[in-house]
């Protein structure tokens, strides 16, 4: 999932701890989410994967 930079997500990034662990969770900022990337098996060829990028409307 992709999130826009806002006061919500900025504080999330500022709370980074050593080792890459974060105190917060971006899932609580659904209003700041603007895209999702999914990967799934290709129906036509099982040896390949299909990646899709979904963009949501920005306000």
N, C-alpha and C. Protein backbone atom coordinates (compact mmCIF):
# COMPACT_ATOMS: atom_id res chain seq x y z
N UNK A 1 0.83 -1.17 0.00
CA UNK A 1 0.00 0.00 0.00
C UNK A 1 0.88 1.24 0.00
N UNK A 2 0.39 2.29 -0.64
CA UNK A 2 1.12 3.55 -0.73
C UNK A 2 0.30 4.65 -0.05
N UNK A 3 0.99 5.49 0.69
CA UNK A 3 0.33 6.55 1.44
C UNK A 3 0.95 7.90 1.09
N UNK A 4 0.11 8.94 1.05
CA UNK A 4 0.64 10.28 0.82
C UNK A 4 1.30 10.78 2.10
N UNK A 5 2.24 11.67 1.92
CA UNK A 5 2.94 12.27 3.05
C UNK A 5 2.03 13.32 3.68
N UNK A 6 1.70 13.14 4.94
CA UNK A 6 0.83 14.06 5.66
C UNK A 6 1.31 14.17 7.10
N UNK A 7 0.62 14.95 7.91
CA UNK A 7 1.00 15.04 9.32
C UNK A 7 0.85 13.68 10.00
N UNK A 8 -0.09 12.87 9.54
CA UNK A 8 -0.26 11.52 10.10
C UNK A 8 0.92 10.62 9.75
N UNK A 9 1.24 10.54 8.48
CA UNK A 9 2.31 9.64 8.05
C UNK A 9 3.68 10.17 8.41
N UNK A 10 3.83 11.49 8.50
CA UNK A 10 5.10 12.07 8.92
C UNK A 10 5.46 11.60 10.32
N UNK A 11 4.49 11.64 11.23
CA UNK A 11 4.77 11.21 12.60
C UNK A 11 5.09 9.71 12.63
N UNK A 12 4.49 8.95 11.74
CA UNK A 12 4.82 7.52 11.65
C UNK A 12 6.28 7.33 11.30
N UNK A 13 6.76 8.08 10.32
CA UNK A 13 8.16 7.96 9.90
C UNK A 13 9.12 8.47 10.97
N UNK A 14 8.73 9.50 11.70
CA UNK A 14 9.58 10.05 12.76
C UNK A 14 9.72 9.11 13.94
N UNK A 15 8.80 8.16 14.09
CA UNK A 15 8.82 7.24 15.23
C UNK A 15 9.63 5.98 14.95
N UNK A 16 10.42 5.97 13.88
CA UNK A 16 11.21 4.79 13.56
C UNK A 16 12.20 4.50 14.68
N UNK A 17 12.34 3.24 14.99
CA UNK A 17 13.27 2.81 16.02
C UNK A 17 14.45 2.10 15.36
N UNK A 18 15.56 1.95 16.07
CA UNK A 18 16.69 1.20 15.51
C UNK A 18 16.25 -0.20 15.08
N UNK A 19 16.75 -0.67 13.97
CA UNK A 19 16.40 -1.98 13.45
C UNK A 19 15.21 -1.94 12.50
N UNK A 20 14.64 -0.74 12.26
CA UNK A 20 13.56 -0.61 11.30
C UNK A 20 12.17 -0.84 11.86
N UNK A 21 12.05 -0.97 13.18
CA UNK A 21 10.72 -1.19 13.77
C UNK A 21 10.02 0.14 13.98
N UNK A 22 8.70 0.16 13.81
CA UNK A 22 7.91 1.37 13.95
C UNK A 22 6.93 1.20 15.10
N UNK A 23 6.62 2.30 15.78
CA UNK A 23 5.65 2.25 16.88
C UNK A 23 4.22 2.26 16.37
N UNK A 24 3.98 2.88 15.23
CA UNK A 24 2.63 3.02 14.71
C UNK A 24 2.31 2.00 13.63
N UNK A 25 1.14 2.17 13.05
CA UNK A 25 0.70 1.31 11.95
C UNK A 25 -0.03 2.19 10.94
N UNK A 26 0.40 2.17 9.70
CA UNK A 26 -0.21 3.02 8.68
C UNK A 26 -1.65 2.65 8.37
N UNK A 27 -2.07 1.44 8.70
CA UNK A 27 -3.44 1.03 8.43
C UNK A 27 -4.47 1.97 9.06
N UNK A 28 -4.10 2.65 10.12
CA UNK A 28 -5.04 3.55 10.79
C UNK A 28 -5.22 4.86 10.04
N UNK A 29 -4.48 5.08 8.95
CA UNK A 29 -4.57 6.32 8.17
C UNK A 29 -5.12 6.03 6.78
N UNK A 30 -6.26 5.38 6.71
CA UNK A 30 -6.86 4.99 5.42
C UNK A 30 -7.10 6.21 4.52
N UNK A 31 -7.37 7.38 5.11
CA UNK A 31 -7.62 8.58 4.30
C UNK A 31 -6.37 9.04 3.55
N UNK A 32 -5.19 8.59 3.97
CA UNK A 32 -3.94 8.97 3.32
C UNK A 32 -3.46 7.93 2.31
N UNK A 33 -4.16 6.82 2.20
CA UNK A 33 -3.77 5.78 1.24
C UNK A 33 -4.17 6.21 -0.17
N UNK A 34 -3.27 6.06 -1.13
CA UNK A 34 -3.61 6.45 -2.50
C UNK A 34 -3.36 5.36 -3.54
N UNK A 35 -2.74 4.25 -3.16
CA UNK A 35 -2.53 3.17 -4.12
C UNK A 35 -2.24 1.86 -3.39
N UNK A 36 -2.51 0.77 -4.10
CA UNK A 36 -2.21 -0.57 -3.60
C UNK A 36 -1.59 -1.36 -4.74
N UNK A 37 -0.58 -2.16 -4.42
CA UNK A 37 0.06 -3.03 -5.39
C UNK A 37 -0.19 -4.47 -4.97
N UNK A 38 -0.74 -5.27 -5.88
CA UNK A 38 -0.99 -6.69 -5.58
C UNK A 38 -0.24 -7.57 -6.57
N UNK A 39 0.09 -8.77 -6.13
CA UNK A 39 0.73 -9.77 -6.98
C UNK A 39 -0.07 -11.05 -6.85
N UNK A 40 -0.40 -11.64 -7.99
CA UNK A 40 -1.16 -12.89 -7.99
C UNK A 40 -0.69 -13.76 -9.14
N UNK A 41 -0.96 -15.06 -9.08
CA UNK A 41 -0.56 -15.95 -10.16
C UNK A 41 -1.28 -15.59 -11.47
N UNK A 42 -0.60 -15.73 -12.56
CA UNK A 42 -1.18 -15.50 -13.88
C UNK A 42 -2.09 -16.68 -14.23
N UNK A 43 -3.32 -16.40 -14.65
CA UNK A 43 -4.26 -17.46 -15.01
C UNK A 43 -3.87 -18.17 -16.30
N UNK A 44 -3.18 -17.46 -17.19
CA UNK A 44 -2.81 -18.03 -18.49
C UNK A 44 -1.52 -18.85 -18.43
N UNK A 45 -0.62 -18.54 -17.48
CA UNK A 45 0.67 -19.22 -17.39
C UNK A 45 1.06 -19.31 -15.92
N UNK A 46 0.97 -20.48 -15.33
CA UNK A 46 1.21 -20.66 -13.90
C UNK A 46 2.67 -20.42 -13.50
N UNK A 47 3.56 -20.26 -14.48
CA UNK A 47 4.96 -19.98 -14.14
C UNK A 47 5.21 -18.48 -14.01
N UNK A 48 4.17 -17.66 -14.23
CA UNK A 48 4.33 -16.21 -14.17
C UNK A 48 3.41 -15.61 -13.12
N UNK A 49 3.78 -14.41 -12.69
CA UNK A 49 2.97 -13.65 -11.74
C UNK A 49 2.46 -12.38 -12.41
N UNK A 50 1.34 -11.90 -11.93
CA UNK A 50 0.74 -10.68 -12.46
C UNK A 50 0.72 -9.64 -11.34
N UNK A 51 1.34 -8.49 -11.59
CA UNK A 51 1.32 -7.40 -10.63
C UNK A 51 0.36 -6.32 -11.10
N UNK A 52 -0.45 -5.82 -10.17
CA UNK A 52 -1.41 -4.76 -10.51
C UNK A 52 -1.25 -3.61 -9.51
N UNK A 53 -1.26 -2.41 -10.07
CA UNK A 53 -1.18 -1.20 -9.25
C UNK A 53 -2.51 -0.47 -9.36
N UNK A 54 -3.20 -0.33 -8.24
CA UNK A 54 -4.51 0.33 -8.19
C UNK A 54 -4.33 1.71 -7.56
N UNK A 55 -4.73 2.77 -8.29
CA UNK A 55 -4.69 4.13 -7.77
C UNK A 55 -6.07 4.54 -7.33
N UNK A 56 -6.15 5.24 -6.20
CA UNK A 56 -7.42 5.77 -5.70
C UNK A 56 -7.46 7.26 -5.96
N UNK A 57 -8.64 7.83 -5.98
CA UNK A 57 -8.78 9.27 -6.20
C UNK A 57 -8.14 10.06 -5.06
N UNK A 58 -7.40 11.09 -5.43
CA UNK A 58 -6.79 11.97 -4.41
C UNK A 58 -7.62 13.19 -4.22
N UNK A 59 -7.69 13.67 -3.01
CA UNK A 59 -8.46 14.87 -2.69
C UNK A 59 -7.55 16.07 -2.56
